[in-house]
Amino acid sequence: MDFYLGLLQIIGVHTLLGLSAYIVLLTGQVSMAQAGFFAIGAYVAGMCTVMFGFHILPAILLASLLASLVACAVGFPALRVKGLMLVVATLAFGEIVRLFFFNVHWQVERNGAMVGPEGPEGFRRIRYFPENGWTSIDITAFIWVIVILVMLALWWMDRSRAGAVLRAVGHDETAAQSVGINLTAVKVSAMTAGGFIAGLGGSIYAHTTTHVEHLIFSVVLATFAIAYPILGGLSHVMGTLLAVVFVQVFLVEVLRFMGDWRNMLFGALIVLVMNLRPHGLLGEQPARMFDFLRSRSRREETHAAT
């Protein structure tokens, strides 16, 4: 039973990680910085509960807000470039964050023991859940309440004008700008929201594993973050969840019996799925963005004529 609950917890955390990249990808930007925001959430939330005795909810909220503020600050300079330059810039930021926590050594005394980040040794004894009597079922339920709330928020956003604006920018920046959309504001807003969601995922991850270290937040984690929404498709928020289940359940757990051969099949199966479903597991993205652009263009023309 604990194995399945643990698997559900992993799926929930990775879903948050994928959703943090999903909202950025809607604008047509590929960000490799999600692992950095994930790390900020993990370390800051851990410090809040372990070193300063915060309750889990304000600790997670504070860590996520800090991750979103950093994402906003990174977004202004980074999102002025496109394509490979953006990938390199955000990848460099992720590595800066990872190396920053590699060098952080800050401990305080709590209950007769020194606790806090220990540089290369990582951050141990993040034991809020067991010390407060949380069971595996409680932790799993807590994670999935947050995941469901985030998915509902993104689903609602996707069906609103904000979602149409994001998709319009991602599909054709020139057309979007021609109808008065501020590209920088939209992209930075998406990056900020993605940083907040990644911070949520990192905060929860630190408390479920009880130990984090800089090696976890590498380029591999950043690659998984953007792979989930691309593999699942950008037509619906559920695509990211389906992709996480496919990777973490089928590729990681079901194929575990294959040993080293699994690593060879891992990439091959993803390539196969992407060839069979080039627009992701859920197919094409909706056409509402075109309706939004057309209606906005008509309003601009009417206003100009009058």
C-alpha atoms as a PDB file:
ATOM      1  CA  MET A   1       0.000   0.000   0.000  1.00  0.00           C
ATOM      2  CA  ASP A   2       2.805   2.429   0.880  1.00  0.00           C
ATOM      3  CA  PHE A   3       4.380   1.775  -2.526  1.00  0.00           C
ATOM      4  CA  TYR A   4       1.246   2.861  -4.381  1.00  0.00           C
ATOM      5  CA  LEU A   5       0.767   5.888  -2.147  1.00  0.00           C
ATOM      6  CA  GLY A   6       4.391   6.850  -2.741  1.00  0.00           C
ATOM      7  CA  LEU A   7       3.847   6.483  -6.490  1.00  0.00           C
ATOM      8  CA  LEU A   8       0.792   8.737  -6.295  1.00  0.00           C
ATOM      9  CA  GLN A   9       2.885  11.301  -4.439  1.00  0.00           C
ATOM     10  CA  ILE A  10       5.569  11.204  -7.149  1.00  0.00           C
ATOM     11  CA  ILE A  11       2.933  11.597  -9.863  1.00  0.00           C
ATOM     12  CA  GLY A  12       1.440  14.584  -8.030  1.00  0.00           C
ATOM     13  CA  VAL A  13       4.769  16.372  -7.574  1.00  0.00           C
ATOM     14  CA  HIS A  14       5.844  15.760 -11.185  1.00  0.00           C
ATOM     15  CA  THR A  15       2.440  16.919 -12.416  1.00  0.00           C
ATOM     16  CA  LEU A  16       3.019  20.256 -10.685  1.00  0.00           C
ATOM     17  CA  LEU A  17       6.477  20.410 -12.255  1.00  0.00           C
ATOM     18  CA  GLY A  18       5.004  19.741 -15.710  1.00  0.00           C
ATOM     19  CA  LEU A  19       2.193  22.255 -15.230  1.00  0.00           C
ATOM     20  CA  SER A  20       4.755  24.921 -14.342  1.00  0.00           C
ATOM     21  CA  ALA A  21       6.239  24.472 -17.829  1.00  0.00           C
ATOM     22  CA  TYR A  22       2.808  24.028 -19.484  1.00  0.00           C
ATOM     23  CA  ILE A  23       1.747  27.623 -18.898  1.00  0.00           C
ATOM     24  CA  VAL A  24       5.063  28.949 -20.263  1.00  0.00           C
ATOM     25  CA  LEU A  25       4.900  26.698 -23.327  1.00  0.00           C
ATOM     26  CA  LEU A  26       1.459  28.110 -24.159  1.00  0.00           C
ATOM     27  CA  THR A  27       3.225  31.372 -25.021  1.00  0.00           C
ATOM     28  CA  GLY A  28       5.608  29.553 -27.366  1.00  0.00           C
ATOM     29  CA  GLN A  29       8.599  29.854 -25.014  1.00  0.00           C
ATOM     30  CA  VAL A  30      10.776  26.917 -23.955  1.00  0.00           C
ATOM     31  CA  SER A  31      12.090  27.522 -20.438  1.00  0.00           C
ATOM     32  CA  MET A  32      14.714  25.303 -18.822  1.00  0.00           C
ATOM     33  CA  ALA A  33      14.509  27.298 -15.594  1.00  0.00           C
ATOM     34  CA  GLN A  34      11.726  25.260 -13.961  1.00  0.00           C
ATOM     35  CA  ALA A  35      14.219  23.088 -12.055  1.00  0.00           C
ATOM     36  CA  GLY A  36      15.655  26.267 -10.528  1.00  0.00           C
ATOM     37  CA  PHE A  37      12.235  27.455  -9.331  1.00  0.00           C
ATOM     38  CA  PHE A  38      11.554  23.927  -8.064  1.00  0.00           C
ATOM     39  CA  ALA A  39      14.808  24.094  -6.054  1.00  0.00           C
ATOM     40  CA  ILE A  40      13.918  27.479  -4.570  1.00  0.00           C
ATOM     41  CA  GLY A  41      10.584  26.098  -3.403  1.00  0.00           C
ATOM     42  CA  ALA A  42      12.208  23.001  -1.922  1.00  0.00           C
ATOM     43  CA  TYR A  43      14.933  24.771   0.046  1.00  0.00           C
ATOM     44  CA  VAL A  44      12.891  27.770   1.211  1.00  0.00           C
ATOM     45  CA  ALA A  45       9.922  25.694   2.362  1.00  0.00           C
ATOM     46  CA  GLY A  46      12.289  23.312   4.143  1.00  0.00           C
ATOM     47  CA  MET A  47      13.994  26.213   5.912  1.00  0.00           C
ATOM     48  CA  CYS A  48      10.633  27.640   6.989  1.00  0.00           C
ATOM     49  CA  THR A  49       9.366  24.435   8.619  1.00  0.00           C
ATOM     50  CA  VAL A  50      12.651  23.004   9.925  1.00  0.00           C
ATOM     51  CA  MET A  51      14.612  26.092  10.952  1.00  0.00           C
ATOM     52  CA  PHE A  52      11.831  28.541  11.863  1.00  0.00           C
ATOM     53  CA  GLY A  53       8.968  26.246  12.872  1.00  0.00           C
ATOM     54  CA  PHE A  54       6.396  27.403  10.310  1.00  0.00           C
ATOM     55  CA  HIS A  55       3.218  25.470   9.618  1.00  0.00           C
ATOM     56  CA  ILE A  56       3.362  23.633   6.289  1.00  0.00           C
ATOM     57  CA  LEU A  57       0.790  25.862   4.529  1.00  0.00           C
ATOM     58  CA  PRO A  58       2.440  29.276   5.085  1.00  0.00           C
ATOM     59  CA  ALA A  59       5.832  27.673   4.422  1.00  0.00           C
ATOM     60  CA  ILE A  60       4.682  26.375   1.038  1.00  0.00           C
ATOM     61  CA  LEU A  61       2.962  29.645   0.174  1.00  0.00           C
ATOM     62  CA  LEU A  62       6.003  31.752   1.114  1.00  0.00           C
ATOM     63  CA  ALA A  63       8.376  29.503  -0.848  1.00  0.00           C
ATOM     64  CA  SER A  64       6.098  29.549  -3.906  1.00  0.00           C
ATOM     65  CA  LEU A  65       5.747  33.333  -3.778  1.00  0.00           C
ATOM     66  CA  LEU A  66       9.525  33.729  -3.594  1.00  0.00           C
ATOM     67  CA  ALA A  67       9.950  31.357  -6.554  1.00  0.00           C
ATOM     68  CA  SER A  68       7.390  33.386  -8.525  1.00  0.00           C
ATOM     69  CA  LEU A  69       9.161  36.672  -7.708  1.00  0.00           C
ATOM     70  CA  VAL A  70      12.456  35.219  -8.904  1.00  0.00           C
ATOM     71  CA  ALA A  71      10.699  33.910 -12.033  1.00  0.00           C
ATOM     72  CA  CYS A  72       9.304  37.394 -12.683  1.00  0.00           C
ATOM     73  CA  ALA A  73      12.752  38.960 -12.275  1.00  0.00           C
ATOM     74  CA  VAL A  74      14.293  36.361 -14.598  1.00  0.00           C
ATOM     75  CA  GLY A  75      11.475  36.708 -17.106  1.00  0.00           C
ATOM     76  CA  PHE A  76      12.092  40.326 -18.069  1.00  0.00           C
ATOM     77  CA  PRO A  77      15.630  39.857 -19.435  1.00  0.00           C
ATOM     78  CA  ALA A  78      15.308  36.203 -20.477  1.00  0.00           C
ATOM     79  CA  LEU A  79      12.077  36.478 -22.473  1.00  0.00           C
ATOM     80  CA  ARG A  80      13.451  39.253 -24.665  1.00  0.00           C
ATOM     81  CA  VAL A  81      15.363  36.544 -26.522  1.00  0.00           C
ATOM     82  CA  LYS A  82      13.887  33.627 -28.416  1.00  0.00           C
ATOM     83  CA  GLY A  83      14.591  30.075 -29.472  1.00  0.00           C
ATOM     84  CA  LEU A  84      17.934  28.566 -28.561  1.00  0.00           C
ATOM     85  CA  MET A  85      19.104  31.750 -26.844  1.00  0.00           C
ATOM     86  CA  LEU A  86      16.168  31.516 -24.430  1.00  0.00           C
ATOM     87  CA  VAL A  87      16.915  27.852 -23.762  1.00  0.00           C
ATOM     88  CA  VAL A  88      20.560  28.671 -23.013  1.00  0.00           C
ATOM     89  CA  ALA A  89      19.657  31.655 -20.823  1.00  0.00           C
ATOM     90  CA  THR A  90      17.123  29.761 -18.710  1.00  0.00           C
ATOM     91  CA  LEU A  91      19.389  26.709 -18.522  1.00  0.00           C
ATOM     92  CA  ALA A  92      22.174  28.944 -17.208  1.00  0.00           C
ATOM     93  CA  PHE A  93      19.800  30.352 -14.583  1.00  0.00           C
ATOM     94  CA  GLY A  94      18.872  26.838 -13.443  1.00  0.00           C
ATOM     95  CA  GLU A  95      22.536  25.966 -13.032  1.00  0.00           C
ATOM     96  CA  ILE A  96      23.182  29.186 -11.100  1.00  0.00           C
ATOM     97  CA  VAL A  97      20.417  28.279  -8.643  1.00  0.00           C
ATOM     98  CA  ARG A  98      21.717  24.712  -8.298  1.00  0.00           C
ATOM     99  CA  LEU A  99      25.263  25.887  -7.620  1.00  0.00           C
ATOM    100  CA  PHE A 100      23.990  28.530  -5.210  1.00  0.00           C
ATOM    101  CA  PHE A 101      22.393  25.870  -3.032  1.00  0.00           C
ATOM    102  CA  PHE A 102      25.516  23.729  -3.459  1.00  0.00           C
ATOM    103  CA  ASN A 103      27.400  26.483  -1.608  1.00  0.00           C
ATOM    104  CA  VAL A 104      24.774  27.388   0.990  1.00  0.00           C
ATOM    105  CA  HIS A 105      25.761  26.306   4.494  1.00  0.00           C
ATOM    106  CA  TRP A 106      23.366  27.768   7.041  1.00  0.00           C
ATOM    107  CA  GLN A 107      22.298  25.909  10.143  1.00  0.00           C
ATOM    108  CA  VAL A 108      20.537  26.773  13.378  1.00  0.00           C
ATOM    109  CA  GLU A 109      19.997  24.809  16.567  1.00  0.00           C
ATOM    110  CA  ARG A 110      16.575  23.251  17.011  1.00  0.00           C
ATOM    111  CA  ASN A 111      15.766  20.821  19.830  1.00  0.00           C
ATOM    112  CA  GLY A 112      19.456  20.284  20.584  1.00  0.00           C
ATOM    113  CA  ALA A 113      20.446  19.526  16.974  1.00  0.00           C
ATOM    114  CA  MET A 114      21.867  21.638  14.174  1.00  0.00           C
ATOM    115  CA  VAL A 115      19.497  21.751  11.197  1.00  0.00           C
ATOM    116  CA  GLY A 116      19.563  23.470   7.834  1.00  0.00           C
ATOM    117  CA  PRO A 117      21.343  23.284   4.449  1.00  0.00           C
ATOM    118  CA  GLU A 118      24.848  21.820   4.633  1.00  0.00           C
ATOM    119  CA  GLY A 119      26.217  22.819   1.248  1.00  0.00           C
ATOM    120  CA  PRO A 120      27.240  19.752  -0.810  1.00  0.00           C
ATOM    121  CA  GLU A 121      25.681  17.446   1.808  1.00  0.00           C
ATOM    122  CA  GLY A 122      22.259  18.860   1.042  1.00  0.00           C
ATOM    123  CA  PHE A 123      19.387  19.658   3.389  1.00  0.00           C
ATOM    124  CA  ARG A 124      18.487  16.757   5.676  1.00  0.00           C
ATOM    125  CA  ARG A 125      15.825  16.092   8.303  1.00  0.00           C
ATOM    126  CA  ILE A 126      12.937  17.916   6.639  1.00  0.00           C
ATOM    127  CA  ARG A 127      10.581  15.874   8.784  1.00  0.00           C
ATOM    128  CA  TYR A 128       7.503  18.046   9.198  1.00  0.00           C
ATOM    129  CA  PHE A 129       5.075  15.308   8.140  1.00  0.00           C
ATOM    130  CA  PRO A 130       6.276  12.445  10.386  1.00  0.00           C
ATOM    131  CA  GLU A 131       6.926  14.759  13.334  1.00  0.00           C
ATOM    132  CA  ASN A 132       3.345  16.021  13.165  1.00  0.00           C
ATOM    133  CA  GLY A 133       1.762  12.606  12.792  1.00  0.00           C
ATOM    134  CA  TRP A 134       0.851  12.750   9.104  1.00  0.00           C
ATOM    135  CA  THR A 135       0.251   9.326   7.570  1.00  0.00           C
ATOM    136  CA  SER A 136       1.020   8.377   3.966  1.00  0.00           C
ATOM    137  CA  ILE A 137      -2.676   8.722   3.147  1.00  0.00           C
ATOM    138  CA  ASP A 138      -2.763  12.219   4.675  1.00  0.00           C
ATOM    139  CA  ILE A 139       0.287  13.302   2.678  1.00  0.00           C
ATOM    140  CA  THR A 140      -1.081  11.852  -0.575  1.00  0.00           C
ATOM    141  CA  ALA A 141      -4.456  13.535  -0.063  1.00  0.00           C
ATOM    142  CA  PHE A 142      -2.736  16.851   0.728  1.00  0.00           C
ATOM    143  CA  ILE A 143      -0.638  16.672  -2.450  1.00  0.00           C
ATOM    144  CA  TRP A 144      -3.583  15.832  -4.677  1.00  0.00           C
ATOM    145  CA  VAL A 145      -5.790  18.552  -3.246  1.00  0.00           C
ATOM    146  CA  ILE A 146      -3.112  21.040  -4.316  1.00  0.00           C
ATOM    147  CA  VAL A 147      -2.659  19.360  -7.719  1.00  0.00           C
ATOM    148  CA  ILE A 148      -6.407  19.400  -8.394  1.00  0.00           C
ATOM    149  CA  LEU A 149      -6.711  23.050  -7.349  1.00  0.00           C
ATOM    150  CA  VAL A 150      -3.844  24.031  -9.675  1.00  0.00           C
ATOM    151  CA  MET A 151      -5.305  22.016 -12.557  1.00  0.00           C
ATOM    152  CA  LEU A 152      -8.741  23.578 -12.046  1.00  0.00           C
ATOM    153  CA  ALA A 153      -7.192  27.053 -11.982  1.00  0.00           C
ATOM    154  CA  LEU A 154      -5.303  26.399 -15.237  1.00  0.00           C
ATOM    155  CA  TRP A 155      -8.385  24.801 -16.827  1.00  0.00           C
ATOM    156  CA  TRP A 156     -10.451  27.870 -15.936  1.00  0.00           C
ATOM    157  CA  MET A 157      -7.711  30.167 -17.207  1.00  0.00           C
ATOM    158  CA  ASP A 158      -7.492  28.221 -20.464  1.00  0.00           C
ATOM    159  CA  ARG A 159     -11.202  28.740 -21.080  1.00  0.00           C
ATOM    160  CA  SER A 160     -11.024  32.458 -20.323  1.00  0.00           C
ATOM    161  CA  ARG A 161      -9.700  35.422 -22.259  1.00  0.00           C
ATOM    162  CA  ALA A 162      -6.321  35.013 -20.506  1.00  0.00           C
ATOM    163  CA  GLY A 163      -5.877  31.546 -21.992  1.00  0.00           C
ATOM    164  CA  ALA A 164      -6.782  32.815 -25.450  1.00  0.00           C
ATOM    165  CA  VAL A 165      -4.190  35.570 -25.110  1.00  0.00           C
ATOM    166  CA  LEU A 166      -1.478  33.099 -24.073  1.00  0.00           C
ATOM    167  CA  ARG A 167      -2.256  30.802 -26.999  1.00  0.00           C
ATOM    168  CA  ALA A 168      -2.438  33.722 -29.420  1.00  0.00           C
ATOM    169  CA  VAL A 169       1.050  34.849 -28.385  1.00  0.00           C
ATOM    170  CA  GLY A 170       2.345  31.298 -28.695  1.00  0.00           C
ATOM    171  CA  HIS A 171       0.846  30.788 -32.153  1.00  0.00           C
ATOM    172  CA  ASP A 172       1.769  34.084 -33.820  1.00  0.00           C
ATOM    173  CA  GLU A 173       3.493  36.884 -31.925  1.00  0.00           C
ATOM    174  CA  THR A 174       3.181  39.322 -34.823  1.00  0.00           C
ATOM    175  CA  ALA A 175      -0.565  38.843 -35.129  1.00  0.00           C
ATOM    176  CA  ALA A 176      -0.996  39.062 -31.373  1.00  0.00           C
ATOM    177  CA  GLN A 177       1.022  42.285 -31.178  1.00  0.00           C
ATOM    178  CA  SER A 178      -0.942  43.759 -34.076  1.00  0.00           C
ATOM    179  CA  VAL A 179      -4.156  43.584 -32.025  1.00  0.00           C
ATOM    180  CA  GLY A 180      -2.598  45.342 -29.048  1.00  0.00           C
ATOM    181  CA  ILE A 181      -1.301  42.474 -26.909  1.00  0.00           C
ATOM    182  CA  ASN A 182       1.748  43.360 -24.824  1.00  0.00           C
ATOM    183  CA  LEU A 183       4.061  40.430 -25.552  1.00  0.00           C
ATOM    184  CA  THR A 184       6.490  41.101 -22.708  1.00  0.00           C
ATOM    185  CA  ALA A 185       3.717  41.390 -20.117  1.00  0.00           C
ATOM    186  CA  VAL A 186       2.082  38.145 -21.270  1.00  0.00           C
ATOM    187  CA  LYS A 187       5.329  36.182 -21.329  1.00  0.00           C
ATOM    188  CA  VAL A 188       6.529  37.470 -17.966  1.00  0.00           C
ATOM    189  CA  SER A 189       3.124  36.753 -16.422  1.00  0.00           C
ATOM    190  CA  ALA A 190       3.283  33.183 -17.721  1.00  0.00           C
ATOM    191  CA  MET A 191       6.822  32.780 -16.381  1.00  0.00           C
ATOM    192  CA  THR A 192       5.760  34.173 -12.995  1.00  0.00           C
ATOM    193  CA  ALA A 193       2.804  31.787 -12.751  1.00  0.00           C
ATOM    194  CA  GLY A 194       5.053  28.908 -13.821  1.00  0.00           C
ATOM    195  CA  GLY A 195       7.546  29.830 -11.110  1.00  0.00           C
ATOM    196  CA  PHE A 196       4.797  29.793  -8.490  1.00  0.00           C
ATOM    197  CA  ILE A 197       3.599  26.322  -9.544  1.00  0.00           C
ATOM    198  CA  ALA A 198       7.170  24.986  -9.685  1.00  0.00           C
ATOM    199  CA  GLY A 199       7.732  26.403  -6.187  1.00  0.00           C
ATOM    200  CA  LEU A 200       4.658  24.518  -4.985  1.00  0.00           C
ATOM    201  CA  GLY A 201       6.011  21.297  -6.441  1.00  0.00           C
ATOM    202  CA  GLY A 202       9.455  21.805  -4.930  1.00  0.00           C
ATOM    203  CA  SER A 203       8.017  22.652  -1.506  1.00  0.00           C
ATOM    204  CA  ILE A 204       5.977  19.463  -1.419  1.00  0.00           C
ATOM    205  CA  TYR A 205       8.830  17.390  -2.829  1.00  0.00           C
ATOM    206  CA  ALA A 206      11.218  18.468  -0.059  1.00  0.00           C
ATOM    207  CA  HIS A 207       8.743  17.444   2.635  1.00  0.00           C
ATOM    208  CA  THR A 208       7.883  14.080   1.095  1.00  0.00           C
ATOM    209  CA  THR A 209      11.502  13.005   0.553  1.00  0.00           C
ATOM    210  CA  THR A 210      12.811  14.668   3.797  1.00  0.00           C
ATOM    211  CA  HIS A 211      16.196  15.281   2.103  1.00  0.00           C
ATOM    212  CA  VAL A 212      17.164  17.416  -0.882  1.00  0.00           C
ATOM    213  CA  GLU A 213      20.513  18.156  -2.463  1.00  0.00           C
ATOM    214  CA  HIS A 214      21.748  20.173  -5.425  1.00  0.00           C
ATOM    215  CA  LEU A 215      22.175  17.164  -7.738  1.00  0.00           C
ATOM    216  CA  ILE A 216      18.405  16.627  -7.833  1.00  0.00           C
ATOM    217  CA  PHE A 217      17.800  19.961  -9.559  1.00  0.00           C
ATOM    218  CA  SER A 218      19.883  19.277 -12.648  1.00  0.00           C
ATOM    219  CA  VAL A 219      19.196  19.686 -16.356  1.00  0.00           C
ATOM    220  CA  VAL A 220      17.522  16.248 -16.320  1.00  0.00           C
ATOM    221  CA  LEU A 221      14.757  17.562 -14.060  1.00  0.00           C
ATOM    222  CA  ALA A 222      14.378  20.639 -16.271  1.00  0.00           C
ATOM    223  CA  THR A 223      14.073  18.375 -19.306  1.00  0.00           C
ATOM    224  CA  PHE A 224      11.340  16.324 -17.632  1.00  0.00           C
ATOM    225  CA  ALA A 225       9.489  19.561 -16.834  1.00  0.00           C
ATOM    226  CA  ILE A 226       9.121  20.553 -20.485  1.00  0.00           C
ATOM    227  CA  ALA A 227       8.789  16.955 -21.740  1.00  0.00           C
ATOM    228  CA  TYR A 228       5.575  16.314 -19.785  1.00  0.00           C
ATOM    229  CA  PRO A 229       3.396  19.038 -21.385  1.00  0.00           C
ATOM    230  CA  ILE A 230       4.913  18.497 -24.830  1.00  0.00           C
ATOM    231  CA  LEU A 231       4.322  14.756 -24.638  1.00  0.00           C
ATOM    232  CA  GLY A 232       0.823  15.202 -23.236  1.00  0.00           C
ATOM    233  CA  GLY A 233      -0.102  17.988 -25.618  1.00  0.00           C
ATOM    234  CA  LEU A 234      -0.936  21.635 -25.052  1.00  0.00           C
ATOM    235  CA  SER A 235      -4.605  21.287 -25.987  1.00  0.00           C
ATOM    236  CA  HIS A 236      -5.686  20.556 -22.423  1.00  0.00           C
ATOM    237  CA  VAL A 237      -4.239  20.649 -18.926  1.00  0.00           C
ATOM    238  CA  MET A 238      -5.023  16.921 -18.529  1.00  0.00           C
ATOM    239  CA  GLY A 239      -2.391  16.113 -21.133  1.00  0.00           C
ATOM    240  CA  THR A 240       0.400  16.887 -18.674  1.00  0.00           C
ATOM    241  CA  LEU A 241      -1.080  14.518 -16.092  1.00  0.00           C
ATOM    242  CA  LEU A 242      -1.422  11.740 -18.695  1.00  0.00           C
ATOM    243  CA  ALA A 243       2.204  12.225 -19.731  1.00  0.00           C
ATOM    244  CA  VAL A 244       3.399  12.032 -16.114  1.00  0.00           C
ATOM    245  CA  VAL A 245       1.443   8.792 -15.617  1.00  0.00           C
ATOM    246  CA  PHE A 246       2.889   7.387 -18.852  1.00  0.00           C
ATOM    247  CA  VAL A 247       6.465   8.210 -17.860  1.00  0.00           C
ATOM    248  CA  GLN A 248       6.423   7.565 -14.106  1.00  0.00           C
ATOM    249  CA  VAL A 249       4.127   4.522 -14.103  1.00  0.00           C
ATOM    250  CA  PHE A 250       4.717   2.785 -17.418  1.00  0.00           C
ATOM    251  CA  LEU A 251       8.289   3.726 -18.347  1.00  0.00           C
ATOM    252  CA  VAL A 252       9.748   3.900 -14.835  1.00  0.00           C
ATOM    253  CA  GLU A 253       7.806   1.300 -12.842  1.00  0.00           C
ATOM    254  CA  VAL A 254       6.240  -1.200 -15.269  1.00  0.00           C
ATOM    255  CA  LEU A 255       9.457  -1.565 -17.261  1.00  0.00           C
ATOM    256  CA  ARG A 256      11.628  -1.784 -14.148  1.00  0.00           C
ATOM    257  CA  PHE A 257      12.037  -5.550 -14.654  1.00  0.00           C
ATOM    258  CA  MET A 258      14.029  -4.846 -17.840  1.00  0.00           C
ATOM    259  CA  GLY A 259      16.971  -3.431 -15.861  1.00  0.00           C
ATOM    260  CA  ASP A 260      19.468  -1.500 -17.981  1.00  0.00           C
ATOM    261  CA  TRP A 261      17.458  -2.182 -21.136  1.00  0.00           C
ATOM    262  CA  ARG A 262      14.777   0.117 -19.753  1.00  0.00           C
ATOM    263  CA  ASN A 263      17.090   3.117 -20.168  1.00  0.00           C
ATOM    264  CA  MET A 264      17.458   2.319 -23.868  1.00  0.00           C
ATOM    265  CA  LEU A 265      13.714   1.930 -24.319  1.00  0.00           C
ATOM    266  CA  PHE A 266      12.918   5.074 -22.369  1.00  0.00           C
ATOM    267  CA  GLY A 267      13.847   7.537 -25.097  1.00  0.00           C
ATOM    268  CA  ALA A 268      12.777   5.210 -27.922  1.00  0.00           C
ATOM    269  CA  LEU A 269       9.238   4.904 -26.560  1.00  0.00           C
ATOM    270  CA  ILE A 270       8.908   8.659 -26.114  1.00  0.00           C
ATOM    271  CA  VAL A 271      10.102   9.193 -29.710  1.00  0.00           C
ATOM    272  CA  LEU A 272       7.595   6.567 -30.890  1.00  0.00           C
ATOM    273  CA  VAL A 273       4.716   8.227 -29.041  1.00  0.00           C
ATOM    274  CA  MET A 274       5.668  11.638 -30.412  1.00  0.00           C
ATOM    275  CA  ASN A 275       5.716  10.249 -33.944  1.00  0.00           C
ATOM    276  CA  LEU A 276       2.346   8.557 -33.541  1.00  0.00           C
ATOM    277  CA  ARG A 277       0.861  11.559 -31.716  1.00  0.00           C
ATOM    278  CA  PRO A 278       2.887  14.573 -32.936  1.00  0.00           C
ATOM    279  CA  HIS A 279       0.540  17.018 -31.194  1.00  0.00           C
ATOM    280  CA  GLY A 280       0.682  15.149 -27.890  1.00  0.00           C
ATOM    281  CA  LEU A 281      -1.472  12.484 -26.310  1.00  0.00           C
ATOM    282  CA  LEU A 282      -4.567  14.729 -26.414  1.00  0.00           C
ATOM    283  CA  GLY A 283      -4.085  15.956 -29.970  1.00  0.00           C
ATOM    284  CA  GLU A 284      -4.529  19.395 -31.528  1.00  0.00           C
ATOM    285  CA  GLN A 285      -4.847  22.572 -29.521  1.00  0.00           C
ATOM    286  CA  PRO A 286      -8.223  24.337 -29.671  1.00  0.00           C
ATOM    287  CA  ALA A 287      -8.946  26.958 -32.272  1.00  0.00           C
ATOM    288  CA  ARG A 288     -10.341  29.527 -29.819  1.00  0.00           C
ATOM    289  CA  MET A 289      -7.201  31.602 -30.098  1.00  0.00           C
ATOM    290  CA  PHE A 290      -7.997  32.257 -33.776  1.00  0.00           C
ATOM    291  CA  ASP A 291     -11.508  33.367 -32.809  1.00  0.00           C
ATOM    292  CA  PHE A 292      -9.989  35.691 -30.222  1.00  0.00           C
ATOM    293  CA  LEU A 293      -7.591  37.234 -32.742  1.00  0.00           C
ATOM    294  CA  ARG A 294     -10.307  37.653 -35.360  1.00  0.00           C
ATOM    295  CA  SER A 295     -12.760  39.272 -32.942  1.00  0.00           C
ATOM    296  CA  ARG A 296     -10.052  41.551 -31.539  1.00  0.00           C
ATOM    297  CA  SER A 297      -8.980  42.526 -35.053  1.00  0.00           C
ATOM    298  CA  ARG A 298     -12.574  43.320 -36.025  1.00  0.00           C
ATOM    299  CA  ARG A 299     -12.981  45.543 -32.950  1.00  0.00           C
ATOM    300  CA  GLU A 300      -9.765  47.390 -33.825  1.00  0.00           C
ATOM    301  CA  GLU A 301     -10.944  47.939 -37.404  1.00  0.00           C
ATOM    302  CA  THR A 302     -14.354  49.168 -36.228  1.00  0.00           C
ATOM    303  CA  HIS A 303     -12.754  51.553 -33.766  1.00  0.00           C
ATOM    304  CA  ALA A 304     -10.390  52.890 -36.438  1.00  0.00           C
ATOM    305  CA  ALA A 305     -13.280  53.408 -38.898  1.00  0.00           C
ATOM    306  CA  THR A 306     -15.278  55.413 -36.378  1.00  0.00           C
END
